[in-house]
Amino acid sequence: MDKKTVLNIASVALVILGLAMIVIGVVAKILPPPITGAGFLVIAWVFQKLKT
C-alpha cells in the first residue's frame, strides 16, 4: 500500500470513530466523548492535508 491509501483508510476510520463518540456523548449527555470525537475529526483533517 502506498502512503495515500494508508492515510485515506486511517482518515475514514478516525471520522467514523469520531462521529460515533460524538453521538454517544450527546445521547448519554456527558462531555468527554464528544471532545475526544472532535479531536479525532481534527486528526483526520490533518491526515488529509498531509496527503498533498
Protein backbone atom coordinates (compact mmCIF):
# COMPACT_ATOMS: atom_id res chain seq x y z
CA MET A 1 0.00 0.00 0.00
CA ASP A 2 1.19 3.48 -0.71
CA LYS A 3 1.14 6.45 1.65
CA LYS A 4 -2.09 7.95 0.27
CA THR A 5 -4.04 4.72 0.67
CA VAL A 6 -2.92 4.30 4.27
CA LEU A 7 -3.82 7.92 5.08
CA ASN A 8 -7.23 7.51 3.45
CA ILE A 9 -8.02 4.36 5.44
CA ALA A 10 -6.86 5.98 8.68
CA SER A 11 -8.88 9.12 7.96
CA VAL A 12 -12.08 7.17 7.30
CA ALA A 13 -11.60 5.12 10.47
CA LEU A 14 -10.98 8.28 12.53
CA VAL A 15 -14.06 10.02 11.12
CA ILE A 16 -16.28 7.02 11.87
CA LEU A 17 -14.92 6.69 15.41
CA GLY A 18 -15.12 10.44 15.98
CA LEU A 19 -18.74 10.66 14.88
CA ALA A 20 -19.64 7.61 16.97
CA MET A 21 -18.05 9.15 20.05
CA ILE A 22 -19.89 12.43 19.49
CA VAL A 23 -23.22 10.59 19.18
CA ILE A 24 -22.53 8.52 22.31
CA GLY A 25 -21.67 11.64 24.28
CA VAL A 26 -24.77 13.52 23.13
CA VAL A 27 -27.07 10.57 23.87
CA ALA A 28 -25.53 9.98 27.30
CA LYS A 29 -25.30 13.73 28.00
CA ILE A 30 -21.64 13.54 29.01
CA LEU A 31 -18.85 15.82 27.78
CA PRO A 32 -15.61 13.79 27.39
CA PRO A 33 -16.60 11.57 24.43
CA PRO A 34 -17.67 14.48 22.16
CA ILE A 35 -14.46 16.34 22.92
CA THR A 36 -12.42 13.25 22.04
CA GLY A 37 -14.54 12.70 18.93
CA ALA A 38 -13.85 16.27 17.80
CA GLY A 39 -10.15 15.59 18.31
CA PHE A 40 -10.42 12.52 16.08
CA LEU A 41 -12.04 14.65 13.37
CA VAL A 42 -9.20 17.18 13.60
CA ILE A 43 -6.62 14.40 13.29
CA ALA A 44 -8.43 13.02 10.23
CA TRP A 45 -8.38 16.51 8.69
CA VAL A 46 -4.62 16.74 9.32
CA PHE A 47 -4.12 13.35 7.66
CA GLN A 48 -5.95 14.61 4.58
CA LYS A 49 -3.75 17.72 4.47
CA LEU A 50 -0.62 15.56 4.75
CA LYS A 51 -1.62 13.63 1.61
CA THR A 52 -0.86 16.56 -0.68
